[in-house]
Each structure stands twice: as C-alpha cells, then as structure tokens.
Amino acid sequence: MHTSLPDFDMPNEEQVHLAAESFRLLSDPTRIKILWALLQGESNVACLAELADAAPTAVSQHLAKLRLAGLVKGRREGTFVYYSAADEHVRRLLTQGLYHADHIDSGIDRHDLDHAPGLATTEQPAAR
C-alpha cells in the first residue's frame, strides 16, 4: 500500500532512535518545566529549582540528562553554570507538545479518554 504513494518516506533507524530518546526525556513533568523556563532565557540551577518546584540536586540531574541529549546547553561563568535551551528545535518541540496538551484538555471529554483504547488517563505507567 505505502509503495504506491510517490512521496512516502520513512526516517532512518538513527533518527527514530534519537527522536524516541528526546521524547522519553520529555516525558517527565519537571523536565518540561525546566525546558519551558529555559526557553524564556538563560538560568541557573537555583532559579530553575524554584521555578520547577524541585530540589536543586534533582534539577541538576535533569539538566545533565537534557544536556547529554542535546536539548540544553550550559555556559560557565566563574563558579556558576547558566543553562539555556539548545536551539529553536527545542522550542518548537515543546511548544507543539504543550499546544497539543491544551487542545486535548479543552477539546476532549476526560470520560472519552478513559474509555479510548490505549489512551486511558488512569493507566499506571509500564514497569521499566
């Protein structure tokens, strides 16, 4: 079926893996708060901890993972490190995710979500 579509294209395995890793890292609410704050401008761990309502040590751990994934970057100034979102792609990714969440929140009855296959809001996360 897909072979009959002239412009059909699939991403390569590396692209799929990297995208999945980015989405996995964005599946944490604290990381979303941190990234959203960084999209507003550069910040340090203490400020991000306050904005995300999280412990500075937890924020540092989140930032390390986000940095390794290329979603944030750090700039050292003396003994302080100031973080920022890596690039415009991060802004678009997070903005679209939040826009989609807002669309779902305002456009779909929660009862419908609870009874839709694979979309139940009361499901427990899969064990890792």
C-alpha atoms as a PDB file:
ATOM      1  CA  MET A   1       0.000   0.000   0.000  1.00  0.00           C
ATOM      2  CA  HIS A   2       2.663   2.555   1.022  1.00  0.00           C
ATOM      3  CA  THR A   3       4.763   1.687  -2.038  1.00  0.00           C
ATOM      4  CA  SER A   4       2.050   3.193  -4.213  1.00  0.00           C
ATOM      5  CA  LEU A   5       2.490   6.601  -2.560  1.00  0.00           C
ATOM      6  CA  PRO A   6       5.026   8.610  -4.602  1.00  0.00           C
ATOM      7  CA  ASP A   7       6.320  10.789  -1.731  1.00  0.00           C
ATOM      8  CA  PHE A   8       6.216   8.171   1.029  1.00  0.00           C
ATOM      9  CA  ASP A   9       9.309   8.364   3.200  1.00  0.00           C
ATOM     10  CA  MET A  10      10.337   6.772   6.482  1.00  0.00           C
ATOM     11  CA  PRO A  11      13.011   8.134   8.854  1.00  0.00           C
ATOM     12  CA  ASN A  12      16.155   6.058   9.231  1.00  0.00           C
ATOM     13  CA  GLU A  13      16.808   3.996  12.363  1.00  0.00           C
ATOM     14  CA  GLU A  14      19.165   6.547  13.927  1.00  0.00           C
ATOM     15  CA  GLN A  15      16.617   9.353  13.502  1.00  0.00           C
ATOM     16  CA  VAL A  16      13.909   7.188  15.059  1.00  0.00           C
ATOM     17  CA  HIS A  17      16.152   6.248  17.986  1.00  0.00           C
ATOM     18  CA  LEU A  18      17.215   9.856  18.670  1.00  0.00           C
ATOM     19  CA  ALA A  19      13.644  11.157  18.419  1.00  0.00           C
ATOM     20  CA  ALA A  20      12.404   8.441  20.776  1.00  0.00           C
ATOM     21  CA  GLU A  21      15.145   9.320  23.266  1.00  0.00           C
ATOM     22  CA  SER A  22      14.164  13.009  23.130  1.00  0.00           C
ATOM     23  CA  PHE A  23      10.512  12.141  23.694  1.00  0.00           C
ATOM     24  CA  ARG A  24      11.482   9.826  26.567  1.00  0.00           C
ATOM     25  CA  LEU A  25      13.394  12.645  28.238  1.00  0.00           C
ATOM     26  CA  LEU A  26      10.445  14.995  27.733  1.00  0.00           C
ATOM     27  CA  SER A  27       8.065  12.568  29.429  1.00  0.00           C
ATOM     28  CA  ASP A  28       8.954  13.997  32.849  1.00  0.00           C
ATOM     29  CA  PRO A  29       6.902  16.995  34.081  1.00  0.00           C
ATOM     30  CA  THR A  30       9.894  18.534  35.894  1.00  0.00           C
ATOM     31  CA  ARG A  31      11.959  18.428  32.704  1.00  0.00           C
ATOM     32  CA  ILE A  32       9.165  20.120  30.786  1.00  0.00           C
ATOM     33  CA  LYS A  33       9.045  22.891  33.404  1.00  0.00           C
ATOM     34  CA  ILE A  34      12.826  23.268  33.260  1.00  0.00           C
ATOM     35  CA  LEU A  35      12.869  23.447  29.468  1.00  0.00           C
ATOM     36  CA  TRP A  36       9.966  25.890  29.365  1.00  0.00           C
ATOM     37  CA  ALA A  37      11.768  28.157  31.814  1.00  0.00           C
ATOM     38  CA  LEU A  38      14.945  27.934  29.726  1.00  0.00           C
ATOM     39  CA  LEU A  39      13.017  28.911  26.617  1.00  0.00           C
ATOM     40  CA  GLN A  40      12.281  32.202  28.395  1.00  0.00           C
ATOM     41  CA  GLY A  41      16.002  32.803  28.871  1.00  0.00           C
ATOM     42  CA  GLU A  42      19.196  31.627  30.457  1.00  0.00           C
ATOM     43  CA  SER A  43      19.031  30.465  34.072  1.00  0.00           C
ATOM     44  CA  ASN A  44      20.988  28.726  36.826  1.00  0.00           C
ATOM     45  CA  VAL A  45      20.122  25.628  38.843  1.00  0.00           C
ATOM     46  CA  ALA A  46      18.834  27.518  41.898  1.00  0.00           C
ATOM     47  CA  CYS A  47      16.391  29.599  39.865  1.00  0.00           C
ATOM     48  CA  LEU A  48      15.247  26.582  37.846  1.00  0.00           C
ATOM     49  CA  ALA A  49      14.701  24.599  41.056  1.00  0.00           C
ATOM     50  CA  GLU A  50      12.434  27.335  42.359  1.00  0.00           C
ATOM     51  CA  LEU A  51      10.508  27.594  39.076  1.00  0.00           C
ATOM     52  CA  ALA A  52      10.091  23.823  38.771  1.00  0.00           C
ATOM     53  CA  ASP A  53       9.301  23.382  42.476  1.00  0.00           C
ATOM     54  CA  ALA A  54      12.062  20.786  42.756  1.00  0.00           C
ATOM     55  CA  ALA A  55      15.235  20.272  44.749  1.00  0.00           C
ATOM     56  CA  PRO A  56      18.381  21.783  43.200  1.00  0.00           C
ATOM     57  CA  THR A  57      20.068  18.360  43.192  1.00  0.00           C
ATOM     58  CA  ALA A  58      17.162  16.872  41.218  1.00  0.00           C
ATOM     59  CA  VAL A  59      17.250  19.789  38.771  1.00  0.00           C
ATOM     60  CA  SER A  60      20.995  19.279  38.302  1.00  0.00           C
ATOM     61  CA  GLN A  61      20.402  15.631  37.451  1.00  0.00           C
ATOM     62  CA  HIS A  62      17.648  16.528  34.989  1.00  0.00           C
ATOM     63  CA  LEU A  63      19.858  19.156  33.370  1.00  0.00           C
ATOM     64  CA  ALA A  64      22.703  16.669  32.971  1.00  0.00           C
ATOM     65  CA  LYS A  65      20.434  14.281  31.086  1.00  0.00           C
ATOM     66  CA  LEU A  66      18.931  17.060  28.964  1.00  0.00           C
ATOM     67  CA  ARG A  67      22.422  18.343  28.149  1.00  0.00           C
ATOM     68  CA  LEU A  68      23.663  14.903  27.106  1.00  0.00           C
ATOM     69  CA  ALA A  69      20.634  14.595  24.821  1.00  0.00           C
ATOM     70  CA  GLY A  70      21.428  17.954  23.240  1.00  0.00           C
ATOM     71  CA  LEU A  71      18.252  19.638  24.484  1.00  0.00           C
ATOM     72  CA  VAL A  72      20.023  22.177  26.714  1.00  0.00           C
ATOM     73  CA  LYS A  73      23.453  23.758  26.790  1.00  0.00           C
ATOM     74  CA  GLY A  74      25.463  25.240  29.626  1.00  0.00           C
ATOM     75  CA  ARG A  75      27.717  28.273  29.855  1.00  0.00           C
ATOM     76  CA  ARG A  76      30.192  28.568  32.713  1.00  0.00           C
ATOM     77  CA  GLU A  77      30.812  31.964  34.282  1.00  0.00           C
ATOM     78  CA  GLY A  78      33.167  31.693  37.220  1.00  0.00           C
ATOM     79  CA  THR A  79      31.715  29.116  39.585  1.00  0.00           C
ATOM     80  CA  PHE A  80      28.218  29.350  38.112  1.00  0.00           C
ATOM     81  CA  VAL A  81      26.756  27.496  35.150  1.00  0.00           C
ATOM     82  CA  TYR A  82      23.954  29.151  33.215  1.00  0.00           C
ATOM     83  CA  TYR A  83      21.717  26.924  31.138  1.00  0.00           C
ATOM     84  CA  SER A  84      19.654  27.629  28.045  1.00  0.00           C
ATOM     85  CA  ALA A  85      17.604  25.647  25.558  1.00  0.00           C
ATOM     86  CA  ALA A  86      19.843  24.200  22.865  1.00  0.00           C
ATOM     87  CA  ASP A  87      18.109  25.667  19.823  1.00  0.00           C
ATOM     88  CA  GLU A  88      14.883  26.651  18.107  1.00  0.00           C
ATOM     89  CA  HIS A  89      14.002  22.989  17.521  1.00  0.00           C
ATOM     90  CA  VAL A  90      13.565  22.516  21.262  1.00  0.00           C
ATOM     91  CA  ARG A  91      11.199  25.499  21.351  1.00  0.00           C
ATOM     92  CA  ARG A  92       9.077  24.098  18.521  1.00  0.00           C
ATOM     93  CA  LEU A  93       9.022  20.602  20.014  1.00  0.00           C
ATOM     94  CA  LEU A  94       7.943  21.769  23.450  1.00  0.00           C
ATOM     95  CA  THR A  95       5.521  24.375  22.135  1.00  0.00           C
ATOM     96  CA  GLN A  96       3.795  21.800  19.937  1.00  0.00           C
ATOM     97  CA  GLY A  97       3.620  19.312  22.816  1.00  0.00           C
ATOM     98  CA  LEU A  98       2.045  21.883  25.115  1.00  0.00           C
ATOM     99  CA  TYR A  99      -0.277  23.110  22.370  1.00  0.00           C
ATOM    100  CA  HIS A 100      -1.394  19.538  21.771  1.00  0.00           C
ATOM    101  CA  ALA A 101      -1.948  19.009  25.510  1.00  0.00           C
ATOM    102  CA  ASP A 102      -4.020  22.194  25.663  1.00  0.00           C
ATOM    103  CA  HIS A 103      -6.017  21.059  22.636  1.00  0.00           C
ATOM    104  CA  ILE A 104      -6.705  17.686  24.237  1.00  0.00           C
ATOM    105  CA  ASP A 105      -7.552  19.309  27.570  1.00  0.00           C
ATOM    106  CA  SER A 106     -10.083  21.702  26.070  1.00  0.00           C
ATOM    107  CA  GLY A 107     -11.449  19.580  23.251  1.00  0.00           C
ATOM    108  CA  ILE A 108     -11.953  16.085  24.602  1.00  0.00           C
ATOM    109  CA  ASP A 109     -14.101  14.916  27.468  1.00  0.00           C
ATOM    110  CA  ARG A 110     -11.973  13.114  30.093  1.00  0.00           C
ATOM    111  CA  HIS A 111     -14.585  10.343  30.134  1.00  0.00           C
ATOM    112  CA  ASP A 112     -13.826   9.705  26.444  1.00  0.00           C
ATOM    113  CA  LEU A 113     -10.091   9.448  27.201  1.00  0.00           C
ATOM    114  CA  ASP A 114     -10.695   6.966  29.998  1.00  0.00           C
ATOM    115  CA  HIS A 115     -12.552   4.668  27.596  1.00  0.00           C
ATOM    116  CA  ALA A 116     -10.408   5.086  24.474  1.00  0.00           C
ATOM    117  CA  PRO A 117      -8.119   2.101  23.784  1.00  0.00           C
ATOM    118  CA  GLY A 118      -4.537   2.980  24.662  1.00  0.00           C
ATOM    119  CA  LEU A 119      -5.426   6.478  25.913  1.00  0.00           C
ATOM    120  CA  ALA A 120      -6.755   5.809  29.379  1.00  0.00           C
ATOM    121  CA  THR A 121      -5.701   8.565  31.756  1.00  0.00           C
ATOM    122  CA  THR A 122      -5.932   6.260  34.754  1.00  0.00           C
ATOM    123  CA  GLU A 123      -3.446   3.679  33.441  1.00  0.00           C
ATOM    124  CA  GLN A 124      -0.349   3.105  35.523  1.00  0.00           C
ATOM    125  CA  PRO A 125       2.972   3.585  33.724  1.00  0.00           C
ATOM    126  CA  ALA A 126       4.571   0.410  32.414  1.00  0.00           C
ATOM    127  CA  ALA A 127       7.269  -1.071  34.613  1.00  0.00           C
ATOM    128  CA  ARG A 128      10.796  -0.396  33.416  1.00  0.00           C
END
